[in-house]
Amino acid sequence: MSDETVDTLSAPSGPVTGGAVVASGTRRRRGGNRTFGDRITLDRMSRRDKITMAFMVGIPTALCLGFIWLPTVFSIGLSFTDWRGIQGLTWQNFIGLNNYVNLFTKYPFFWPAVSHNVLWLLVLTFIATPIGIFFAVLLDREMRGSRIYQSAFFIPVVLSLAVVGFIWDQMYASQGVINSLLGTTRQDNVIDWLGNRSINIWAVLVAATWRHVGYIMVLYLSGLKSVDPTLREAAAIDGANQRQTFFQVIFPVMRPINVVIVVVTVIESLRAFDIVYIINKGKNGLELLSTLITNNSISEANLLGFGSAIAVVLLVISLVPIIAFLNRQFRQDAA
């Protein structure tokens, strides 16, 4: 075999352009098939991702609509009726704004419940929240045994409000811890902490404060841990003491956490229910809007329409801080 024949066999097939050999048709076909297969895989992954995303978004959305928004809309509709939940709901049950008129003008427990909710808000805002912030500032100094103190303050937060109500119900008993410490366990001088209408709301607020302090402490302590330490160092160099450093440097930086705490406090005061209901079902001086809803809707009277009217009022009141918070967040995101 000649040298020319060997060179011809060993040379790659395909035209030569500018000294470069173009890949063979077989290699081009293989490359083309691989690219087409990759496209099929990507299309399949895209469809699978779309199905997964549909389930991830669709299921929570369906649950939210089914368990929150549909009952909310249904409650708003029921608030204009006198339906008791026994017979079928018809147009004859429609009474317009009568439930709201009776609620604001004739129902004797509505305005006391509103005042109790406002009192709940004031106590949590101006007593419980500052105490929680104070404890958070103390524990932020890495004092000895800080982990033990954090756990001790956080235990009430872990407990449900129903359990907290049961604990304090036992503490306020005639032969309970508080009366024993005060020496008022005898029948002639025993203090009825939860039965006396003039003091039972304050006794329950002590229990609510006990739980709320730990909640605020944990929230604020997590925010303090994220503050840049150079700010404290700069304040110390400028000659600021610890009080000045907190109020003039740290507190303004903690503004996002402060807003969250305000919203949480407002929501906690509006949804208060478990403690008073476990004590005396929210009666005899412990009326709250939430307990009025339950006592009217789920009771022998079965006043579902009237209870729905109270629920709508509570919903409108609750939307005020929520809308204010969301409006603030949207403005910050837009800026």
C-alpha atoms as a PDB file:
ATOM      1  CA  MET A   1       0.000   0.000   0.000  1.00  0.00           C
ATOM      2  CA  SER A   2       1.415   3.371  -0.984  1.00  0.00           C
ATOM      3  CA  ASP A   3       2.056   6.262   1.318  1.00  0.00           C
ATOM      4  CA  GLU A   4      -0.663   8.306  -0.373  1.00  0.00           C
ATOM      5  CA  THR A   5      -3.217   5.593   0.335  1.00  0.00           C
ATOM      6  CA  VAL A   6      -2.238   5.513   4.023  1.00  0.00           C
ATOM      7  CA  ASP A   7      -2.552   9.279   4.271  1.00  0.00           C
ATOM      8  CA  THR A   8      -5.960   9.178   2.663  1.00  0.00           C
ATOM      9  CA  LEU A   9      -7.251   6.535   5.091  1.00  0.00           C
ATOM     10  CA  SER A  10      -5.818   8.212   8.141  1.00  0.00           C
ATOM     11  CA  ALA A  11      -7.058  11.685   7.283  1.00  0.00           C
ATOM     12  CA  PRO A  12     -10.416  12.620   8.754  1.00  0.00           C
ATOM     13  CA  SER A  13     -13.295  12.762   6.376  1.00  0.00           C
ATOM     14  CA  GLY A  14     -15.034  15.970   5.550  1.00  0.00           C
ATOM     15  CA  PRO A  15     -14.124  19.134   3.708  1.00  0.00           C
ATOM     16  CA  VAL A  16     -11.155  21.234   4.753  1.00  0.00           C
ATOM     17  CA  THR A  17     -11.703  24.953   5.103  1.00  0.00           C
ATOM     18  CA  GLY A  18      -8.823  27.228   5.950  1.00  0.00           C
ATOM     19  CA  GLY A  19      -6.762  24.334   7.336  1.00  0.00           C
ATOM     20  CA  ALA A  20      -9.537  23.207   9.708  1.00  0.00           C
ATOM     21  CA  VAL A  21     -11.296  19.923   9.260  1.00  0.00           C
ATOM     22  CA  VAL A  22     -15.062  19.973   9.679  1.00  0.00           C
ATOM     23  CA  ALA A  23     -16.485  17.224  11.898  1.00  0.00           C
ATOM     24  CA  SER A  24     -17.941  14.233  10.139  1.00  0.00           C
ATOM     25  CA  GLY A  25     -21.620  13.839   9.446  1.00  0.00           C
ATOM     26  CA  THR A  26     -21.818  11.006  11.950  1.00  0.00           C
ATOM     27  CA  ARG A  27     -20.363  13.147  14.707  1.00  0.00           C
ATOM     28  CA  ARG A  28     -22.735  15.948  13.837  1.00  0.00           C
ATOM     29  CA  ARG A  29     -25.674  13.596  14.032  1.00  0.00           C
ATOM     30  CA  ARG A  30     -24.564  12.316  17.437  1.00  0.00           C
ATOM     31  CA  GLY A  31     -24.162  15.823  18.756  1.00  0.00           C
ATOM     32  CA  GLY A  32     -27.537  16.765  17.369  1.00  0.00           C
ATOM     33  CA  ASN A  33     -29.218  13.786  18.985  1.00  0.00           C
ATOM     34  CA  ARG A  34     -27.628  14.612  22.358  1.00  0.00           C
ATOM     35  CA  THR A  35     -28.837  18.209  22.221  1.00  0.00           C
ATOM     36  CA  PHE A  36     -32.352  17.097  21.337  1.00  0.00           C
ATOM     37  CA  GLY A  37     -32.338  14.622  24.230  1.00  0.00           C
ATOM     38  CA  ASP A  38     -31.217  17.359  26.612  1.00  0.00           C
ATOM     39  CA  ARG A  39     -34.105  19.476  25.450  1.00  0.00           C
ATOM     40  CA  ILE A  40     -36.545  16.645  26.136  1.00  0.00           C
ATOM     41  CA  THR A  41     -35.087  16.225  29.628  1.00  0.00           C
ATOM     42  CA  LEU A  42     -35.378  19.939  30.302  1.00  0.00           C
ATOM     43  CA  ASP A  43     -38.976  19.934  29.080  1.00  0.00           C
ATOM     44  CA  ARG A  44     -39.793  16.989  31.303  1.00  0.00           C
ATOM     45  CA  MET A  45     -38.134  18.670  34.298  1.00  0.00           C
ATOM     46  CA  SER A  46     -39.994  21.857  33.535  1.00  0.00           C
ATOM     47  CA  ARG A  47     -43.341  20.049  33.525  1.00  0.00           C
ATOM     48  CA  ARG A  48     -42.421  18.220  36.725  1.00  0.00           C
ATOM     49  CA  ASP A  49     -41.384  21.483  38.361  1.00  0.00           C
ATOM     50  CA  LYS A  50     -44.632  23.081  37.290  1.00  0.00           C
ATOM     51  CA  ILE A  51     -46.651  20.246  38.805  1.00  0.00           C
ATOM     52  CA  THR A  52     -44.625  20.411  42.015  1.00  0.00           C
ATOM     53  CA  MET A  53     -45.046  24.176  42.183  1.00  0.00           C
ATOM     54  CA  ALA A  54     -48.778  23.832  41.577  1.00  0.00           C
ATOM     55  CA  PHE A  55     -49.078  21.449  44.526  1.00  0.00           C
ATOM     56  CA  MET A  56     -46.841  23.588  46.751  1.00  0.00           C
ATOM     57  CA  VAL A  57     -48.840  26.731  46.032  1.00  0.00           C
ATOM     58  CA  GLY A  58     -52.255  25.234  45.388  1.00  0.00           C
ATOM     59  CA  ILE A  59     -52.628  23.131  48.536  1.00  0.00           C
ATOM     60  CA  PRO A  60     -51.807  25.956  51.024  1.00  0.00           C
ATOM     61  CA  THR A  61     -53.977  28.335  49.007  1.00  0.00           C
ATOM     62  CA  ALA A  62     -56.891  25.892  49.045  1.00  0.00           C
ATOM     63  CA  LEU A  63     -56.474  25.347  52.781  1.00  0.00           C
ATOM     64  CA  CYS A  64     -56.330  29.104  53.392  1.00  0.00           C
ATOM     65  CA  LEU A  65     -59.455  29.671  51.331  1.00  0.00           C
ATOM     66  CA  GLY A  66     -61.303  26.740  52.867  1.00  0.00           C
ATOM     67  CA  PHE A  67     -60.449  27.327  56.516  1.00  0.00           C
ATOM     68  CA  ILE A  68     -60.041  31.125  56.696  1.00  0.00           C
ATOM     69  CA  TRP A  69     -61.556  33.167  53.919  1.00  0.00           C
ATOM     70  CA  LEU A  70     -64.677  31.144  53.169  1.00  0.00           C
ATOM     71  CA  PRO A  71     -65.688  30.982  56.861  1.00  0.00           C
ATOM     72  CA  THR A  72     -64.926  34.696  57.127  1.00  0.00           C
ATOM     73  CA  VAL A  73     -67.186  35.546  54.190  1.00  0.00           C
ATOM     74  CA  PHE A  74     -69.844  33.169  55.505  1.00  0.00           C
ATOM     75  CA  SER A  75     -69.674  34.798  58.955  1.00  0.00           C
ATOM     76  CA  ILE A  76     -70.097  38.236  57.434  1.00  0.00           C
ATOM     77  CA  GLY A  77     -73.197  36.990  55.645  1.00  0.00           C
ATOM     78  CA  LEU A  78     -74.565  35.341  58.791  1.00  0.00           C
ATOM     79  CA  SER A  79     -74.155  38.573  60.740  1.00  0.00           C
ATOM     80  CA  PHE A  80     -77.129  39.975  58.808  1.00  0.00           C
ATOM     81  CA  THR A  81     -79.410  37.096  59.815  1.00  0.00           C
ATOM     82  CA  ASP A  82     -81.067  35.672  62.919  1.00  0.00           C
ATOM     83  CA  TRP A  83     -80.121  32.110  62.023  1.00  0.00           C
ATOM     84  CA  ARG A  84     -79.755  29.717  64.968  1.00  0.00           C
ATOM     85  CA  GLY A  85     -78.174  26.842  63.077  1.00  0.00           C
ATOM     86  CA  ILE A  86     -81.093  24.450  63.589  1.00  0.00           C
ATOM     87  CA  GLN A  87     -83.395  24.977  60.627  1.00  0.00           C
ATOM     88  CA  GLY A  88     -82.350  25.744  57.082  1.00  0.00           C
ATOM     89  CA  LEU A  89     -81.063  29.202  56.224  1.00  0.00           C
ATOM     90  CA  THR A  90     -83.595  31.110  54.108  1.00  0.00           C
ATOM     91  CA  TRP A  91     -84.289  34.687  53.110  1.00  0.00           C
ATOM     92  CA  GLN A  92     -86.732  34.904  56.018  1.00  0.00           C
ATOM     93  CA  ASN A  93     -83.733  34.863  58.361  1.00  0.00           C
ATOM     94  CA  PHE A  94     -82.369  38.085  56.838  1.00  0.00           C
ATOM     95  CA  ILE A  95     -82.752  40.950  59.327  1.00  0.00           C
ATOM     96  CA  GLY A  96     -80.314  43.522  57.940  1.00  0.00           C
ATOM     97  CA  LEU A  97     -78.367  45.561  60.500  1.00  0.00           C
ATOM     98  CA  ASN A  98     -80.500  44.578  63.501  1.00  0.00           C
ATOM     99  CA  ASN A  99     -77.735  42.463  65.046  1.00  0.00           C
ATOM    100  CA  TYR A 100     -75.314  45.385  64.916  1.00  0.00           C
ATOM    101  CA  VAL A 101     -77.888  47.807  66.303  1.00  0.00           C
ATOM    102  CA  ASN A 102     -78.664  45.482  69.209  1.00  0.00           C
ATOM    103  CA  LEU A 103     -74.967  44.863  69.759  1.00  0.00           C
ATOM    104  CA  PHE A 104     -74.049  48.532  70.064  1.00  0.00           C
ATOM    105  CA  THR A 105     -77.157  49.753  71.886  1.00  0.00           C
ATOM    106  CA  LYS A 106     -78.820  46.926  73.845  1.00  0.00           C
ATOM    107  CA  TYR A 107     -76.372  44.113  74.518  1.00  0.00           C
ATOM    108  CA  PRO A 108     -75.086  44.766  78.073  1.00  0.00           C
ATOM    109  CA  PHE A 109     -71.804  42.840  77.781  1.00  0.00           C
ATOM    110  CA  PHE A 110     -70.442  44.380  74.569  1.00  0.00           C
ATOM    111  CA  TRP A 111     -68.953  47.622  75.847  1.00  0.00           C
ATOM    112  CA  PRO A 112     -67.497  46.016  79.013  1.00  0.00           C
ATOM    113  CA  ALA A 113     -65.831  43.459  76.741  1.00  0.00           C
ATOM    114  CA  VAL A 114     -64.431  46.236  74.550  1.00  0.00           C
ATOM    115  CA  SER A 115     -63.094  48.042  77.620  1.00  0.00           C
ATOM    116  CA  HIS A 116     -61.491  44.809  78.849  1.00  0.00           C
ATOM    117  CA  ASN A 117     -59.788  44.276  75.496  1.00  0.00           C
ATOM    118  CA  VAL A 118     -58.519  47.856  75.581  1.00  0.00           C
ATOM    119  CA  LEU A 119     -57.286  47.355  79.148  1.00  0.00           C
ATOM    120  CA  TRP A 120     -55.589  44.129  78.027  1.00  0.00           C
ATOM    121  CA  LEU A 121     -53.841  46.073  75.257  1.00  0.00           C
ATOM    122  CA  LEU A 122     -52.701  48.854  77.589  1.00  0.00           C
ATOM    123  CA  VAL A 123     -51.293  46.451  80.191  1.00  0.00           C
ATOM    124  CA  LEU A 124     -49.417  44.366  77.623  1.00  0.00           C
ATOM    125  CA  THR A 125     -48.110  47.461  75.850  1.00  0.00           C
ATOM    126  CA  PHE A 126     -47.007  49.605  78.783  1.00  0.00           C
ATOM    127  CA  ILE A 127     -46.201  46.991  81.441  1.00  0.00           C
ATOM    128  CA  ALA A 128     -45.512  43.541  79.994  1.00  0.00           C
ATOM    129  CA  THR A 129     -43.622  44.669  76.882  1.00  0.00           C
ATOM    130  CA  PRO A 130     -41.220  47.062  78.708  1.00  0.00           C
ATOM    131  CA  ILE A 131     -40.496  44.344  81.282  1.00  0.00           C
ATOM    132  CA  GLY A 132     -39.711  41.891  78.504  1.00  0.00           C
ATOM    133  CA  ILE A 133     -37.408  44.411  76.807  1.00  0.00           C
ATOM    134  CA  PHE A 134     -35.689  45.110  80.133  1.00  0.00           C
ATOM    135  CA  PHE A 135     -34.989  41.410  80.703  1.00  0.00           C
ATOM    136  CA  ALA A 136     -33.722  41.074  77.130  1.00  0.00           C
ATOM    137  CA  VAL A 137     -31.247  43.934  77.648  1.00  0.00           C
ATOM    138  CA  LEU A 138     -30.027  42.361  80.888  1.00  0.00           C
ATOM    139  CA  LEU A 139     -29.548  38.926  79.344  1.00  0.00           C
ATOM    140  CA  ASP A 140     -27.800  40.444  76.330  1.00  0.00           C
ATOM    141  CA  ARG A 141     -24.853  41.320  78.587  1.00  0.00           C
ATOM    142  CA  GLU A 142     -23.820  37.645  78.757  1.00  0.00           C
ATOM    143  CA  MET A 143     -24.263  37.515  82.504  1.00  0.00           C
ATOM    144  CA  ARG A 144     -23.558  34.299  84.391  1.00  0.00           C
ATOM    145  CA  GLY A 145     -26.393  31.804  84.094  1.00  0.00           C
ATOM    146  CA  SER A 146     -28.046  33.711  81.239  1.00  0.00           C
ATOM    147  CA  ARG A 147     -29.079  30.452  79.528  1.00  0.00           C
ATOM    148  CA  ILE A 148     -30.883  29.344  82.682  1.00  0.00           C
ATOM    149  CA  TYR A 149     -32.677  32.678  82.955  1.00  0.00           C
ATOM    150  CA  GLN A 150     -33.671  32.572  79.277  1.00  0.00           C
ATOM    151  CA  SER A 151     -35.127  29.097  79.717  1.00  0.00           C
ATOM    152  CA  ALA A 152     -36.987  30.130  82.868  1.00  0.00           C
ATOM    153  CA  PHE A 153     -38.566  33.162  81.201  1.00  0.00           C
ATOM    154  CA  PHE A 154     -39.374  31.227  78.028  1.00  0.00           C
ATOM    155  CA  ILE A 155     -41.167  28.306  79.723  1.00  0.00           C
ATOM    156  CA  PRO A 156     -44.517  30.201  79.940  1.00  0.00           C
ATOM    157  CA  VAL A 157     -44.310  30.902  76.198  1.00  0.00           C
ATOM    158  CA  VAL A 158     -44.020  27.194  75.439  1.00  0.00           C
ATOM    159  CA  LEU A 159     -47.131  26.466  77.495  1.00  0.00           C
ATOM    160  CA  SER A 160     -50.494  27.037  75.880  1.00  0.00           C
ATOM    161  CA  LEU A 161     -52.726  29.769  77.236  1.00  0.00           C
ATOM    162  CA  ALA A 162     -55.183  27.151  78.430  1.00  0.00           C
ATOM    163  CA  VAL A 163     -52.474  25.542  80.570  1.00  0.00           C
ATOM    164  CA  VAL A 164     -51.395  28.964  81.828  1.00  0.00           C
ATOM    165  CA  GLY A 165     -54.987  29.691  82.815  1.00  0.00           C
ATOM    166  CA  PHE A 166     -55.254  26.389  84.667  1.00  0.00           C
ATOM    167  CA  ILE A 167     -51.956  27.035  86.526  1.00  0.00           C
ATOM    168  CA  TRP A 168     -53.041  30.477  87.687  1.00  0.00           C
ATOM    169  CA  ASP A 169     -56.517  29.228  88.522  1.00  0.00           C
ATOM    170  CA  GLN A 170     -54.890  26.904  91.033  1.00  0.00           C
ATOM    171  CA  MET A 171     -52.595  29.649  92.310  1.00  0.00           C
ATOM    172  CA  TYR A 172     -55.555  31.995  92.881  1.00  0.00           C
ATOM    173  CA  ALA A 173     -57.620  29.336  94.692  1.00  0.00           C
ATOM    174  CA  SER A 174     -58.803  30.025  98.222  1.00  0.00           C
ATOM    175  CA  GLN A 175     -56.150  27.664  99.594  1.00  0.00           C
ATOM    176  CA  GLY A 176     -53.697  28.369  96.784  1.00  0.00           C
ATOM    177  CA  VAL A 177     -50.152  29.704  96.800  1.00  0.00           C
ATOM    178  CA  ILE A 178     -51.023  33.410  96.679  1.00  0.00           C
ATOM    179  CA  ASN A 179     -53.533  33.343  99.538  1.00  0.00           C
ATOM    180  CA  SER A 180     -51.150  31.189 101.553  1.00  0.00           C
ATOM    181  CA  LEU A 181     -48.336  33.705 101.119  1.00  0.00           C
ATOM    182  CA  LEU A 182     -50.647  36.563 102.075  1.00  0.00           C
ATOM    183  CA  GLY A 183     -52.091  34.695 105.038  1.00  0.00           C
ATOM    184  CA  THR A 184     -55.647  34.999 103.733  1.00  0.00           C
ATOM    185  CA  THR A 185     -56.658  31.338 103.691  1.00  0.00           C
ATOM    186  CA  ARG A 186     -59.176  31.556 106.556  1.00  0.00           C
ATOM    187  CA  GLN A 187     -62.803  31.674 105.609  1.00  0.00           C
ATOM    188  CA  ASP A 188     -63.291  35.107 107.178  1.00  0.00           C
ATOM    189  CA  ASN A 189     -60.470  36.821 105.260  1.00  0.00           C
ATOM    190  CA  VAL A 190     -59.965  34.743 102.118  1.00  0.00           C
ATOM    191  CA  ILE A 191     -59.561  36.769  98.918  1.00  0.00           C
ATOM    192  CA  ASP A 192     -61.656  35.561  95.996  1.00  0.00           C
ATOM    193  CA  TRP A 193     -59.248  36.612  93.261  1.00  0.00           C
ATOM    194  CA  LEU A 194     -61.229  35.225  90.345  1.00  0.00           C
ATOM    195  CA  GLY A 195     -64.775  35.575  91.668  1.00  0.00           C
ATOM    196  CA  ASN A 196     -64.629  39.224  92.697  1.00  0.00           C
ATOM    197  CA  ARG A 197     -65.646  41.327  89.661  1.00  0.00           C
ATOM    198  CA  SER A 198     -63.561  44.285  90.821  1.00  0.00           C
ATOM    199  CA  ILE A 199     -60.224  42.443  90.886  1.00  0.00           C
ATOM    200  CA  ASN A 200     -60.529  39.331  88.719  1.00  0.00           C
ATOM    201  CA  ILE A 201     -59.585  41.112  85.503  1.00  0.00           C
ATOM    202  CA  TRP A 202     -56.388  42.365  87.141  1.00  0.00           C
ATOM    203  CA  ALA A 203     -55.593  38.895  88.443  1.00  0.00           C
ATOM    204  CA  VAL A 204     -55.964  37.449  84.952  1.00  0.00           C
ATOM    205  CA  LEU A 205     -53.837  40.234  83.483  1.00  0.00           C
ATOM    206  CA  VAL A 206     -51.017  39.223  85.829  1.00  0.00           C
ATOM    207  CA  ALA A 207     -51.166  35.727  84.323  1.00  0.00           C
ATOM    208  CA  ALA A 208     -51.219  37.131  80.778  1.00  0.00           C
ATOM    209  CA  THR A 209     -48.282  39.402  81.600  1.00  0.00           C
ATOM    210  CA  TRP A 210     -46.329  36.431  82.983  1.00  0.00           C
ATOM    211  CA  ARG A 211     -46.536  34.737  79.598  1.00  0.00           C
ATOM    212  CA  HIS A 212     -46.159  37.828  77.426  1.00  0.00           C
ATOM    213  CA  VAL A 213     -42.935  38.957  79.138  1.00  0.00           C
ATOM    214  CA  GLY A 214     -41.110  35.805  78.058  1.00  0.00           C
ATOM    215  CA  TYR A 215     -42.393  36.118  74.494  1.00  0.00           C
ATOM    216  CA  ILE A 216     -41.208  39.703  74.129  1.00  0.00           C
ATOM    217  CA  MET A 217     -37.897  38.885  75.817  1.00  0.00           C
ATOM    218  CA  VAL A 218     -37.082  36.193  73.254  1.00  0.00           C
ATOM    219  CA  LEU A 219     -38.055  38.400  70.299  1.00  0.00           C
ATOM    220  CA  TYR A 220     -36.074  41.377  71.515  1.00  0.00           C
ATOM    221  CA  LEU A 221     -33.079  39.327  72.585  1.00  0.00           C
ATOM    222  CA  SER A 222     -32.782  37.842  69.098  1.00  0.00           C
ATOM    223  CA  GLY A 223     -32.838  41.371  67.692  1.00  0.00           C
ATOM    224  CA  LEU A 224     -30.170  42.583  70.120  1.00  0.00           C
ATOM    225  CA  LYS A 225     -27.877  39.738  69.076  1.00  0.00           C
ATOM    226  CA  SER A 226     -27.994  40.985  65.482  1.00  0.00           C
ATOM    227  CA  VAL A 227     -26.964  44.578  66.308  1.00  0.00           C
ATOM    228  CA  ASP A 228     -23.548  45.525  64.957  1.00  0.00           C
ATOM    229  CA  PRO A 229     -21.161  45.618  67.970  1.00  0.00           C
ATOM    230  CA  THR A 230     -19.227  48.496  66.404  1.00  0.00           C
ATOM    231  CA  LEU A 231     -22.180  50.757  67.222  1.00  0.00           C
ATOM    232  CA  ARG A 232     -21.729  50.089  70.917  1.00  0.00           C
ATOM    233  CA  GLU A 233     -17.981  50.629  70.637  1.00  0.00           C
ATOM    234  CA  ALA A 234     -18.482  53.949  68.843  1.00  0.00           C
ATOM    235  CA  ALA A 235     -20.967  55.092  71.483  1.00  0.00           C
ATOM    236  CA  ALA A 236     -18.545  54.116  74.257  1.00  0.00           C
ATOM    237  CA  ILE A 237     -15.739  56.076  72.564  1.00  0.00           C
ATOM    238  CA  ASP A 238     -18.030  59.111  72.401  1.00  0.00           C
ATOM    239  CA  GLY A 239     -18.526  58.826  76.166  1.00  0.00           C
ATOM    240  CA  ALA A 240     -22.124  57.507  76.207  1.00  0.00           C
ATOM    241  CA  ASN A 241     -23.160  55.404  79.187  1.00  0.00           C
ATOM    242  CA  GLN A 242     -25.219  52.206  78.863  1.00  0.00           C
ATOM    243  CA  ARG A 243     -28.567  53.968  79.154  1.00  0.00           C
ATOM    244  CA  GLN A 244     -27.655  56.561  76.534  1.00  0.00           C
ATOM    245  CA  THR A 245     -26.248  53.862  74.265  1.00  0.00           C
ATOM    246  CA  PHE A 246     -29.478  51.887  74.381  1.00  0.00           C
ATOM    247  CA  PHE A 247     -31.967  54.726  73.902  1.00  0.00           C
ATOM    248  CA  GLN A 248     -29.943  56.804  71.421  1.00  0.00           C
ATOM    249  CA  VAL A 249     -28.153  54.091  69.432  1.00  0.00           C
ATOM    250  CA  ILE A 250     -29.551  50.592  69.930  1.00  0.00           C
ATOM    251  CA  PHE A 251     -33.260  51.387  70.224  1.00  0.00           C
ATOM    252  CA  PRO A 252     -33.439  53.324  66.909  1.00  0.00           C
ATOM    253  CA  VAL A 253     -31.556  50.509  65.146  1.00  0.00           C
ATOM    254  CA  MET A 254     -34.081  48.020  66.555  1.00  0.00           C
ATOM    255  CA  ARG A 255     -36.954  49.820  64.849  1.00  0.00           C
ATOM    256  CA  PRO A 256     -38.035  46.822  62.682  1.00  0.00           C
ATOM    257  CA  ILE A 257     -38.175  44.591  65.766  1.00  0.00           C
ATOM    258  CA  ASN A 258     -40.066  47.305  67.647  1.00  0.00           C
ATOM    259  CA  VAL A 259     -42.726  47.380  64.930  1.00  0.00           C
ATOM    260  CA  VAL A 260     -43.076  43.597  65.041  1.00  0.00           C
ATOM    261  CA  ILE A 261     -43.428  43.693  68.832  1.00  0.00           C
ATOM    262  CA  VAL A 262     -46.148  46.342  68.633  1.00  0.00           C
ATOM    263  CA  VAL A 263     -48.109  44.283  66.096  1.00  0.00           C
ATOM    264  CA  VAL A 264     -47.674  41.090  68.141  1.00  0.00           C
ATOM    265  CA  THR A 265     -48.836  42.873  71.296  1.00  0.00           C
ATOM    266  CA  VAL A 266     -51.950  44.239  69.602  1.00  0.00           C
ATOM    267  CA  ILE A 267     -52.831  40.836  68.169  1.00  0.00           C
ATOM    268  CA  GLU A 268     -52.253  39.137  71.535  1.00  0.00           C
ATOM    269  CA  SER A 269     -54.607  41.584  73.250  1.00  0.00           C
ATOM    270  CA  LEU A 270     -57.334  41.112  70.639  1.00  0.00           C
ATOM    271  CA  ARG A 271     -57.212  37.330  70.473  1.00  0.00           C
ATOM    272  CA  ALA A 272     -57.083  36.820  74.249  1.00  0.00           C
ATOM    273  CA  PHE A 273     -59.436  33.972  75.005  1.00  0.00           C
ATOM    274  CA  ASP A 274     -57.947  30.856  76.571  1.00  0.00           C
ATOM    275  CA  ILE A 275     -57.093  32.194  80.033  1.00  0.00           C
ATOM    276  CA  VAL A 276     -60.449  33.770  80.815  1.00  0.00           C
ATOM    277  CA  TYR A 277     -62.441  30.940  79.263  1.00  0.00           C
ATOM    278  CA  ILE A 278     -60.655  28.271  81.279  1.00  0.00           C
ATOM    279  CA  ILE A 279     -61.326  30.268  84.478  1.00  0.00           C
ATOM    280  CA  ASN A 280     -65.032  31.104  84.232  1.00  0.00           C
ATOM    281  CA  LYS A 281     -65.917  30.982  80.495  1.00  0.00           C
ATOM    282  CA  GLY A 282     -65.386  34.722  80.192  1.00  0.00           C
ATOM    283  CA  LYS A 283     -68.203  35.748  82.524  1.00  0.00           C
ATOM    284  CA  ASN A 284     -68.626  37.655  85.794  1.00  0.00           C
ATOM    285  CA  GLY A 285     -66.304  40.526  84.951  1.00  0.00           C
ATOM    286  CA  LEU A 286     -63.975  38.707  82.525  1.00  0.00           C
ATOM    287  CA  GLU A 287     -65.923  39.401  79.340  1.00  0.00           C
ATOM    288  CA  LEU A 288     -63.851  39.715  76.170  1.00  0.00           C
ATOM    289  CA  LEU A 289     -64.975  40.003  72.559  1.00  0.00           C
ATOM    290  CA  SER A 290     -63.631  36.538  71.822  1.00  0.00           C
ATOM    291  CA  THR A 291     -65.576  34.938  74.682  1.00  0.00           C
ATOM    292  CA  LEU A 292     -68.757  36.764  73.665  1.00  0.00           C
ATOM    293  CA  ILE A 293     -68.499  35.162  70.248  1.00  0.00           C
ATOM    294  CA  THR A 294     -68.212  31.697  71.771  1.00  0.00           C
ATOM    295  CA  ASN A 295     -70.878  32.208  74.420  1.00  0.00           C
ATOM    296  CA  ASN A 296     -73.419  33.418  71.850  1.00  0.00           C
ATOM    297  CA  SER A 297     -72.596  31.077  69.001  1.00  0.00           C
ATOM    298  CA  ILE A 298     -71.806  27.843  70.841  1.00  0.00           C
ATOM    299  CA  SER A 299     -74.377  27.801  73.646  1.00  0.00           C
ATOM    300  CA  GLU A 300     -77.946  26.817  74.353  1.00  0.00           C
ATOM    301  CA  ALA A 301     -79.145  29.987  72.646  1.00  0.00           C
ATOM    302  CA  ASN A 302     -77.345  29.164  69.361  1.00  0.00           C
ATOM    303  CA  LEU A 303     -77.362  32.811  68.305  1.00  0.00           C
ATOM    304  CA  LEU A 304     -75.110  32.213  65.306  1.00  0.00           C
ATOM    305  CA  GLY A 305     -76.154  35.394  63.553  1.00  0.00           C
ATOM    306  CA  PHE A 306     -75.578  37.585  66.587  1.00  0.00           C
ATOM    307  CA  GLY A 307     -72.282  35.857  67.396  1.00  0.00           C
ATOM    308  CA  SER A 308     -71.174  36.385  63.804  1.00  0.00           C
ATOM    309  CA  ALA A 309     -71.865  40.106  64.171  1.00  0.00           C
ATOM    310  CA  ILE A 310     -69.503  40.230  67.173  1.00  0.00           C
ATOM    311  CA  ALA A 311     -66.921  38.288  65.154  1.00  0.00           C
ATOM    312  CA  VAL A 312     -67.150  40.804  62.316  1.00  0.00           C
ATOM    313  CA  VAL A 313     -66.575  43.675  64.747  1.00  0.00           C
ATOM    314  CA  LEU A 314     -63.504  41.909  66.118  1.00  0.00           C
ATOM    315  CA  LEU A 315     -62.296  41.259  62.568  1.00  0.00           C
ATOM    316  CA  VAL A 316     -62.571  44.942  61.647  1.00  0.00           C
ATOM    317  CA  ILE A 317     -60.696  45.968  64.796  1.00  0.00           C
ATOM    318  CA  SER A 318     -57.980  43.387  64.107  1.00  0.00           C
ATOM    319  CA  LEU A 319     -57.505  44.541  60.523  1.00  0.00           C
ATOM    320  CA  VAL A 320     -56.440  48.027  61.623  1.00  0.00           C
ATOM    321  CA  PRO A 321     -52.960  47.078  62.990  1.00  0.00           C
ATOM    322  CA  ILE A 322     -52.495  44.412  60.311  1.00  0.00           C
ATOM    323  CA  ILE A 323     -53.158  46.837  57.447  1.00  0.00           C
ATOM    324  CA  ALA A 324     -50.946  49.465  59.074  1.00  0.00           C
ATOM    325  CA  PHE A 325     -48.114  46.937  59.392  1.00  0.00           C
ATOM    326  CA  LEU A 326     -48.456  45.700  55.799  1.00  0.00           C
ATOM    327  CA  ASN A 327     -48.655  49.263  54.480  1.00  0.00           C
ATOM    328  CA  ARG A 328     -45.431  50.078  56.274  1.00  0.00           C
ATOM    329  CA  GLN A 329     -43.712  46.981  54.902  1.00  0.00           C
ATOM    330  CA  PHE A 330     -44.813  47.684  51.323  1.00  0.00           C
ATOM    331  CA  ARG A 331     -43.551  51.251  51.569  1.00  0.00           C
ATOM    332  CA  GLN A 332     -40.175  50.056  52.799  1.00  0.00           C
ATOM    333  CA  ASP A 333     -39.945  47.499  49.999  1.00  0.00           C
ATOM    334  CA  ALA A 334     -40.873  50.140  47.426  1.00  0.00           C
ATOM    335  CA  ALA A 335     -38.235  52.514  48.770  1.00  0.00           C
END
